[in-house]
Amino acid sequence: MSVDEVAQKANEAIIDAFSNVDVIADGFEPIRGIFTNPNEVSKLDGGGYVDSQRASLIVKSSEAEHLERRTMIILQFENGERQGYMIVFPDNDGSGRLKLTLGQDNVGHSATNQSQSSSISY
């Protein structure tokens, strides 16, 4: 067995062991994945919060050929909660895992629905 094959089997075992979410894409069977906290934020000393990192998802690349950039997915958590996301950037490093950077699901929110005035006050 080559080093690459060992790495692939190890990555698949890690995903199996630490999966915490079902990944649902229209027309496909759900797959398991490891989801990192979407609410990773930094608190500002003066008050408020700033996003410090986008949510990400790791899945087995052998099960996720259908997950491409701009694919809309639903994540179903073990407590039954569901959240929608759009795949912003898929990163397949060839090691048997696919890391997906996720963005918020903004379906139905076009530029025409945005307010023409700023909500920032000076």
C-alpha atoms as a PDB file:
ATOM      1  CA  MET A   1       0.000   0.000   0.000  1.00  0.00           C
ATOM      2  CA  SER A   2       1.414   3.393  -0.999  1.00  0.00           C
ATOM      3  CA  VAL A   3       1.736   6.408   1.288  1.00  0.00           C
ATOM      4  CA  ASP A   4      -1.067   8.154  -0.631  1.00  0.00           C
ATOM      5  CA  GLU A   5      -3.401   5.197  -0.109  1.00  0.00           C
ATOM      6  CA  VAL A   6      -2.600   5.122   3.619  1.00  0.00           C
ATOM      7  CA  ALA A   7      -3.271   8.886   3.870  1.00  0.00           C
ATOM      8  CA  GLN A   8      -6.582   8.486   2.035  1.00  0.00           C
ATOM      9  CA  LYS A   9      -7.730   5.651   4.328  1.00  0.00           C
ATOM     10  CA  ALA A  10      -6.673   7.667   7.395  1.00  0.00           C
ATOM     11  CA  ASN A  11      -8.605  10.746   6.225  1.00  0.00           C
ATOM     12  CA  GLU A  12     -11.709   8.643   5.558  1.00  0.00           C
ATOM     13  CA  ALA A  13     -11.456   7.082   9.041  1.00  0.00           C
ATOM     14  CA  ILE A  14     -11.162  10.551  10.616  1.00  0.00           C
ATOM     15  CA  ILE A  15     -14.239  11.770   8.744  1.00  0.00           C
ATOM     16  CA  ASP A  16     -16.190   8.661   9.802  1.00  0.00           C
ATOM     17  CA  ALA A  17     -15.173   9.129  13.447  1.00  0.00           C
ATOM     18  CA  PHE A  18     -15.770  12.870  13.771  1.00  0.00           C
ATOM     19  CA  SER A  19     -18.714  13.513  11.431  1.00  0.00           C
ATOM     20  CA  ASN A  20     -21.286  15.740  13.089  1.00  0.00           C
ATOM     21  CA  VAL A  21     -23.685  16.647  10.267  1.00  0.00           C
ATOM     22  CA  ASP A  22     -25.590  15.205   7.307  1.00  0.00           C
ATOM     23  CA  VAL A  23     -24.982  17.084   4.053  1.00  0.00           C
ATOM     24  CA  ILE A  24     -28.030  17.231   1.782  1.00  0.00           C
ATOM     25  CA  ALA A  25     -27.904  18.397  -1.843  1.00  0.00           C
ATOM     26  CA  ASP A  26     -30.943  18.188  -4.146  1.00  0.00           C
ATOM     27  CA  GLY A  27     -31.115  14.911  -6.047  1.00  0.00           C
ATOM     28  CA  PHE A  28     -28.401  13.130  -4.027  1.00  0.00           C
ATOM     29  CA  GLU A  29     -28.272  10.855  -1.010  1.00  0.00           C
ATOM     30  CA  PRO A  30     -27.126  12.614   2.194  1.00  0.00           C
ATOM     31  CA  ILE A  31     -23.469  12.193   3.105  1.00  0.00           C
ATOM     32  CA  ARG A  32     -21.723  12.684   6.448  1.00  0.00           C
ATOM     33  CA  GLY A  33     -19.308  15.510   7.098  1.00  0.00           C
ATOM     34  CA  ILE A  34     -17.367  17.410   9.732  1.00  0.00           C
ATOM     35  CA  PHE A  35     -18.772  20.927  10.140  1.00  0.00           C
ATOM     36  CA  THR A  36     -16.856  23.694  11.882  1.00  0.00           C
ATOM     37  CA  ASN A  37     -18.691  26.335  13.869  1.00  0.00           C
ATOM     38  CA  PRO A  38     -20.236  28.985  11.601  1.00  0.00           C
ATOM     39  CA  ASN A  39     -20.332  31.482  14.456  1.00  0.00           C
ATOM     40  CA  GLU A  40     -16.588  31.792  14.877  1.00  0.00           C
ATOM     41  CA  VAL A  41     -16.433  35.480  15.647  1.00  0.00           C
ATOM     42  CA  SER A  42     -14.034  37.848  17.328  1.00  0.00           C
ATOM     43  CA  LYS A  43     -15.272  40.257  19.949  1.00  0.00           C
ATOM     44  CA  LEU A  44     -14.108  43.848  19.567  1.00  0.00           C
ATOM     45  CA  ASP A  45     -12.832  45.693  22.651  1.00  0.00           C
ATOM     46  CA  GLY A  46     -15.188  48.602  21.910  1.00  0.00           C
ATOM     47  CA  GLY A  47     -18.163  46.254  21.497  1.00  0.00           C
ATOM     48  CA  GLY A  48     -19.598  44.312  18.598  1.00  0.00           C
ATOM     49  CA  TYR A  49     -18.372  41.319  16.627  1.00  0.00           C
ATOM     50  CA  VAL A  50     -16.453  40.696  13.410  1.00  0.00           C
ATOM     51  CA  ASP A  51     -16.520  37.456  11.429  1.00  0.00           C
ATOM     52  CA  SER A  52     -13.078  35.904  11.733  1.00  0.00           C
ATOM     53  CA  GLN A  53     -13.503  32.781   9.646  1.00  0.00           C
ATOM     54  CA  ARG A  54     -16.044  31.296   7.270  1.00  0.00           C
ATOM     55  CA  ALA A  55     -17.791  28.086   8.099  1.00  0.00           C
ATOM     56  CA  SER A  56     -16.244  24.995   6.566  1.00  0.00           C
ATOM     57  CA  LEU A  57     -17.167  21.403   5.942  1.00  0.00           C
ATOM     58  CA  ILE A  58     -14.977  18.354   5.355  1.00  0.00           C
ATOM     59  CA  VAL A  59     -16.393  15.346   3.473  1.00  0.00           C
ATOM     60  CA  LYS A  60     -14.996  12.277   1.743  1.00  0.00           C
ATOM     61  CA  SER A  61     -14.052  13.292  -1.794  1.00  0.00           C
ATOM     62  CA  SER A  62     -15.203   9.870  -3.066  1.00  0.00           C
ATOM     63  CA  GLU A  63     -18.770  10.680  -1.926  1.00  0.00           C
ATOM     64  CA  ALA A  64     -18.858  14.332  -2.923  1.00  0.00           C
ATOM     65  CA  GLU A  65     -18.187  14.685  -6.661  1.00  0.00           C
ATOM     66  CA  HIS A  66     -21.525  16.507  -6.945  1.00  0.00           C
ATOM     67  CA  LEU A  67     -20.555  19.242  -4.454  1.00  0.00           C
ATOM     68  CA  GLU A  68     -19.167  22.078  -6.554  1.00  0.00           C
ATOM     69  CA  ARG A  69     -18.784  25.830  -6.238  1.00  0.00           C
ATOM     70  CA  ARG A  70     -22.159  27.611  -5.831  1.00  0.00           C
ATOM     71  CA  THR A  71     -23.995  24.382  -4.965  1.00  0.00           C
ATOM     72  CA  MET A  72     -26.708  24.998  -2.387  1.00  0.00           C
ATOM     73  CA  ILE A  73     -26.660  22.486   0.481  1.00  0.00           C
ATOM     74  CA  ILE A  74     -28.613  21.845   3.660  1.00  0.00           C
ATOM     75  CA  LEU A  75     -26.788  20.736   6.788  1.00  0.00           C
ATOM     76  CA  GLN A  76     -28.841  18.645   9.177  1.00  0.00           C
ATOM     77  CA  PHE A  77     -27.424  18.495  12.655  1.00  0.00           C
ATOM     78  CA  GLU A  78     -27.819  15.661  15.135  1.00  0.00           C
ATOM     79  CA  ASN A  79     -30.358  17.721  17.138  1.00  0.00           C
ATOM     80  CA  GLY A  80     -32.590  17.957  14.026  1.00  0.00           C
ATOM     81  CA  GLU A  81     -31.774  21.590  13.251  1.00  0.00           C
ATOM     82  CA  ARG A  82     -31.192  22.458   9.569  1.00  0.00           C
ATOM     83  CA  GLN A  83     -29.165  25.290   8.058  1.00  0.00           C
ATOM     84  CA  GLY A  84     -28.704  26.251   4.415  1.00  0.00           C
ATOM     85  CA  TYR A  85     -25.342  27.186   2.913  1.00  0.00           C
ATOM     86  CA  MET A  86     -23.770  27.792  -0.463  1.00  0.00           C
ATOM     87  CA  ILE A  87     -20.401  26.270  -1.336  1.00  0.00           C
ATOM     88  CA  VAL A  88     -18.017  29.171  -1.889  1.00  0.00           C
ATOM     89  CA  PHE A  89     -14.784  27.281  -2.464  1.00  0.00           C
ATOM     90  CA  PRO A  90     -14.187  23.516  -2.775  1.00  0.00           C
ATOM     91  CA  ASP A  91     -10.615  22.441  -2.017  1.00  0.00           C
ATOM     92  CA  ASN A  92      -9.727  18.876  -3.026  1.00  0.00           C
ATOM     93  CA  ASP A  93      -6.140  18.205  -2.005  1.00  0.00           C
ATOM     94  CA  GLY A  94      -6.144  14.650  -3.402  1.00  0.00           C
ATOM     95  CA  SER A  95      -5.868  13.033   0.024  1.00  0.00           C
ATOM     96  CA  GLY A  96      -9.392  11.610   0.113  1.00  0.00           C
ATOM     97  CA  ARG A  97     -10.975  14.612   1.770  1.00  0.00           C
ATOM     98  CA  LEU A  98     -12.747  17.601   0.291  1.00  0.00           C
ATOM     99  CA  LYS A  99     -12.772  20.824   2.296  1.00  0.00           C
ATOM    100  CA  LEU A 100     -15.667  23.127   1.427  1.00  0.00           C
ATOM    101  CA  THR A 101     -15.676  26.769   2.449  1.00  0.00           C
ATOM    102  CA  LEU A 102     -19.292  27.801   2.984  1.00  0.00           C
ATOM    103  CA  GLY A 103     -21.210  31.046   2.651  1.00  0.00           C
ATOM    104  CA  GLN A 104     -24.674  31.957   3.837  1.00  0.00           C
ATOM    105  CA  ASP A 105     -27.664  30.796   1.818  1.00  0.00           C
ATOM    106  CA  ASN A 106     -29.045  34.045   0.391  1.00  0.00           C
ATOM    107  CA  VAL A 107     -31.662  32.623  -1.950  1.00  0.00           C
ATOM    108  CA  GLY A 108     -34.270  35.263  -2.726  1.00  0.00           C
ATOM    109  CA  HIS A 109     -32.070  38.140  -1.636  1.00  0.00           C
ATOM    110  CA  SER A 110     -31.075  39.968  -4.786  1.00  0.00           C
ATOM    111  CA  ALA A 111     -29.601  43.420  -5.139  1.00  0.00           C
ATOM    112  CA  THR A 112     -33.092  44.716  -5.966  1.00  0.00           C
ATOM    113  CA  ASN A 113     -34.279  43.693  -2.496  1.00  0.00           C
ATOM    114  CA  GLN A 114     -31.559  45.679  -0.731  1.00  0.00           C
ATOM    115  CA  SER A 115     -32.271  48.967   0.938  1.00  0.00           C
ATOM    116  CA  GLN A 116     -31.140  52.024  -1.008  1.00  0.00           C
ATOM    117  CA  SER A 117     -30.092  53.806   2.193  1.00  0.00           C
ATOM    118  CA  SER A 118     -27.318  52.955   4.603  1.00  0.00           C
ATOM    119  CA  SER A 119     -28.141  51.777   8.099  1.00  0.00           C
ATOM    120  CA  ILE A 120     -24.787  53.092   9.345  1.00  0.00           C
ATOM    121  CA  SER A 121     -25.061  56.299  11.327  1.00  0.00           C
ATOM    122  CA  TYR A 122     -22.184  58.691  11.851  1.00  0.00           C
END
